[in-house]
């Protein structure tokens, strides 16, 4: 539950900031991948950001915890974040 709150707050901060309310497509797909994609696919997705290996390793460690959540709940979170992003893009 704590992770969900953090993800929602992060998404709101990124999407609904006054200076730029348009959601970057790369960030949206990264968040969806973080929640739904398998480890190899998500690692490939992260490669486009050219992040340091330590950052990728840390993100993959957190993903292990997310993957323990029921898939249906992760889909629900993704849909909710999509609705938030949709409202921010208007």
C-alpha atoms as a PDB file:
ATOM      1  CA  UNK A   1       0.000   0.000   0.000  1.00  0.00           C
ATOM      2  CA  UNK A   2       2.841   2.396   0.797  1.00  0.00           C
ATOM      3  CA  UNK A   3       4.319   1.822  -2.649  1.00  0.00           C
ATOM      4  CA  UNK A   4       0.979   2.645  -4.254  1.00  0.00           C
ATOM      5  CA  UNK A   5       0.789   5.943  -2.391  1.00  0.00           C
ATOM      6  CA  UNK A   6       4.343   6.811  -3.475  1.00  0.00           C
ATOM      7  CA  UNK A   7       3.574   5.976  -7.110  1.00  0.00           C
ATOM      8  CA  UNK A   8       0.393   8.049  -7.121  1.00  0.00           C
ATOM      9  CA  UNK A   9       2.134  11.032  -5.519  1.00  0.00           C
ATOM     10  CA  UNK A  10       5.046  10.778  -7.942  1.00  0.00           C
ATOM     11  CA  UNK A  11       2.692  10.591 -10.908  1.00  0.00           C
ATOM     12  CA  UNK A  12       0.708  13.572  -9.676  1.00  0.00           C
ATOM     13  CA  UNK A  13       3.909  15.535  -9.158  1.00  0.00           C
ATOM     14  CA  UNK A  14       5.173  14.733 -12.649  1.00  0.00           C
ATOM     15  CA  UNK A  15       1.876  15.081 -14.472  1.00  0.00           C
ATOM     16  CA  UNK A  16       0.139  17.952 -12.782  1.00  0.00           C
ATOM     17  CA  UNK A  17       2.949  20.370 -12.091  1.00  0.00           C
ATOM     18  CA  UNK A  18       1.821  23.858 -13.118  1.00  0.00           C
ATOM     19  CA  UNK A  19       4.688  24.601 -15.508  1.00  0.00           C
ATOM     20  CA  UNK A  20       4.212  21.450 -17.582  1.00  0.00           C
ATOM     21  CA  UNK A  21       1.118  19.346 -17.176  1.00  0.00           C
ATOM     22  CA  UNK A  22       1.748  17.170 -20.248  1.00  0.00           C
ATOM     23  CA  UNK A  23       2.879  13.663 -19.363  1.00  0.00           C
ATOM     24  CA  UNK A  24       6.046  12.614 -21.123  1.00  0.00           C
ATOM     25  CA  UNK A  25       5.239   9.468 -23.102  1.00  0.00           C
ATOM     26  CA  UNK A  26       8.528   7.833 -22.069  1.00  0.00           C
ATOM     27  CA  UNK A  27       7.715   8.341 -18.384  1.00  0.00           C
ATOM     28  CA  UNK A  28       4.219   6.958 -18.830  1.00  0.00           C
ATOM     29  CA  UNK A  29       5.460   3.819 -20.561  1.00  0.00           C
ATOM     30  CA  UNK A  30       8.221   3.389 -17.962  1.00  0.00           C
ATOM     31  CA  UNK A  31       5.698   3.504 -15.116  1.00  0.00           C
ATOM     32  CA  UNK A  32       3.414   1.024 -16.897  1.00  0.00           C
ATOM     33  CA  UNK A  33       6.390  -1.229 -17.573  1.00  0.00           C
ATOM     34  CA  UNK A  34       7.470  -0.973 -13.966  1.00  0.00           C
ATOM     35  CA  UNK A  35       4.080  -2.248 -12.876  1.00  0.00           C
ATOM     36  CA  UNK A  36       3.245  -4.768 -15.593  1.00  0.00           C
ATOM     37  CA  UNK A  37       6.272  -5.866 -17.637  1.00  0.00           C
ATOM     38  CA  UNK A  38       8.519  -8.791 -16.847  1.00  0.00           C
ATOM     39  CA  UNK A  39      12.041  -8.166 -15.572  1.00  0.00           C
ATOM     40  CA  UNK A  40      13.856  -8.630 -18.931  1.00  0.00           C
ATOM     41  CA  UNK A  41      11.406  -6.388 -20.789  1.00  0.00           C
ATOM     42  CA  UNK A  42      11.546  -3.698 -18.111  1.00  0.00           C
ATOM     43  CA  UNK A  43      15.358  -3.784 -18.024  1.00  0.00           C
ATOM     44  CA  UNK A  44      15.358  -3.266 -21.793  1.00  0.00           C
ATOM     45  CA  UNK A  45      12.914  -0.369 -21.344  1.00  0.00           C
ATOM     46  CA  UNK A  46      15.240   1.250 -18.808  1.00  0.00           C
ATOM     47  CA  UNK A  47      18.191   1.027 -21.199  1.00  0.00           C
ATOM     48  CA  UNK A  48      16.831   3.905 -23.304  1.00  0.00           C
ATOM     49  CA  UNK A  49      17.360   6.269 -20.346  1.00  0.00           C
ATOM     50  CA  UNK A  50      21.085   5.363 -20.123  1.00  0.00           C
ATOM     51  CA  UNK A  51      20.897   5.372 -16.325  1.00  0.00           C
ATOM     52  CA  UNK A  52      23.896   4.364 -14.194  1.00  0.00           C
ATOM     53  CA  UNK A  53      24.071   0.658 -13.364  1.00  0.00           C
ATOM     54  CA  UNK A  54      23.518   1.396  -9.666  1.00  0.00           C
ATOM     55  CA  UNK A  55      20.251   3.186 -10.456  1.00  0.00           C
ATOM     56  CA  UNK A  56      19.055   0.338 -12.677  1.00  0.00           C
ATOM     57  CA  UNK A  57      19.954  -2.200  -9.983  1.00  0.00           C
ATOM     58  CA  UNK A  58      18.051  -0.189  -7.363  1.00  0.00           C
ATOM     59  CA  UNK A  59      14.999   0.106  -9.629  1.00  0.00           C
ATOM     60  CA  UNK A  60      15.082  -3.643 -10.309  1.00  0.00           C
ATOM     61  CA  UNK A  61      15.256  -4.317  -6.563  1.00  0.00           C
ATOM     62  CA  UNK A  62      12.108  -2.263  -5.999  1.00  0.00           C
ATOM     63  CA  UNK A  63      10.467  -4.029  -8.945  1.00  0.00           C
ATOM     64  CA  UNK A  64      10.910  -7.327  -7.088  1.00  0.00           C
ATOM     65  CA  UNK A  65       8.582  -5.978  -4.400  1.00  0.00           C
ATOM     66  CA  UNK A  66       6.077  -4.671  -6.940  1.00  0.00           C
ATOM     67  CA  UNK A  67       6.020  -8.048  -8.678  1.00  0.00           C
ATOM     68  CA  UNK A  68       4.829  -9.610  -5.409  1.00  0.00           C
ATOM     69  CA  UNK A  69       1.556  -7.673  -5.704  1.00  0.00           C
ATOM     70  CA  UNK A  70      -1.356  -9.424  -7.388  1.00  0.00           C
ATOM     71  CA  UNK A  71      -1.354  -8.781 -11.134  1.00  0.00           C
ATOM     72  CA  UNK A  72      -4.956  -7.574 -11.027  1.00  0.00           C
ATOM     73  CA  UNK A  73      -4.028  -4.885  -8.506  1.00  0.00           C
ATOM     74  CA  UNK A  74      -1.106  -3.765 -10.641  1.00  0.00           C
ATOM     75  CA  UNK A  75      -3.441  -3.483 -13.647  1.00  0.00           C
ATOM     76  CA  UNK A  76      -5.855  -1.427 -11.542  1.00  0.00           C
ATOM     77  CA  UNK A  77      -3.025   0.895 -10.462  1.00  0.00           C
ATOM     78  CA  UNK A  78      -1.898   1.284 -14.079  1.00  0.00           C
ATOM     79  CA  UNK A  79      -5.436   2.162 -15.209  1.00  0.00           C
ATOM     80  CA  UNK A  80      -5.783   4.694 -12.392  1.00  0.00           C
ATOM     81  CA  UNK A  81      -2.455   6.329 -13.255  1.00  0.00           C
ATOM     82  CA  UNK A  82      -3.554   6.409 -16.905  1.00  0.00           C
ATOM     83  CA  UNK A  83      -6.733   8.279 -15.959  1.00  0.00           C
ATOM     84  CA  UNK A  84      -4.689  10.765 -13.941  1.00  0.00           C
ATOM     85  CA  UNK A  85      -2.293  11.297 -16.850  1.00  0.00           C
ATOM     86  CA  UNK A  86      -5.230  11.713 -19.215  1.00  0.00           C
ATOM     87  CA  UNK A  87      -6.665  14.509 -17.067  1.00  0.00           C
ATOM     88  CA  UNK A  88      -3.260  16.165 -16.812  1.00  0.00           C
ATOM     89  CA  UNK A  89      -2.845  16.172 -20.596  1.00  0.00           C
ATOM     90  CA  UNK A  90      -6.012  18.187 -21.156  1.00  0.00           C
END
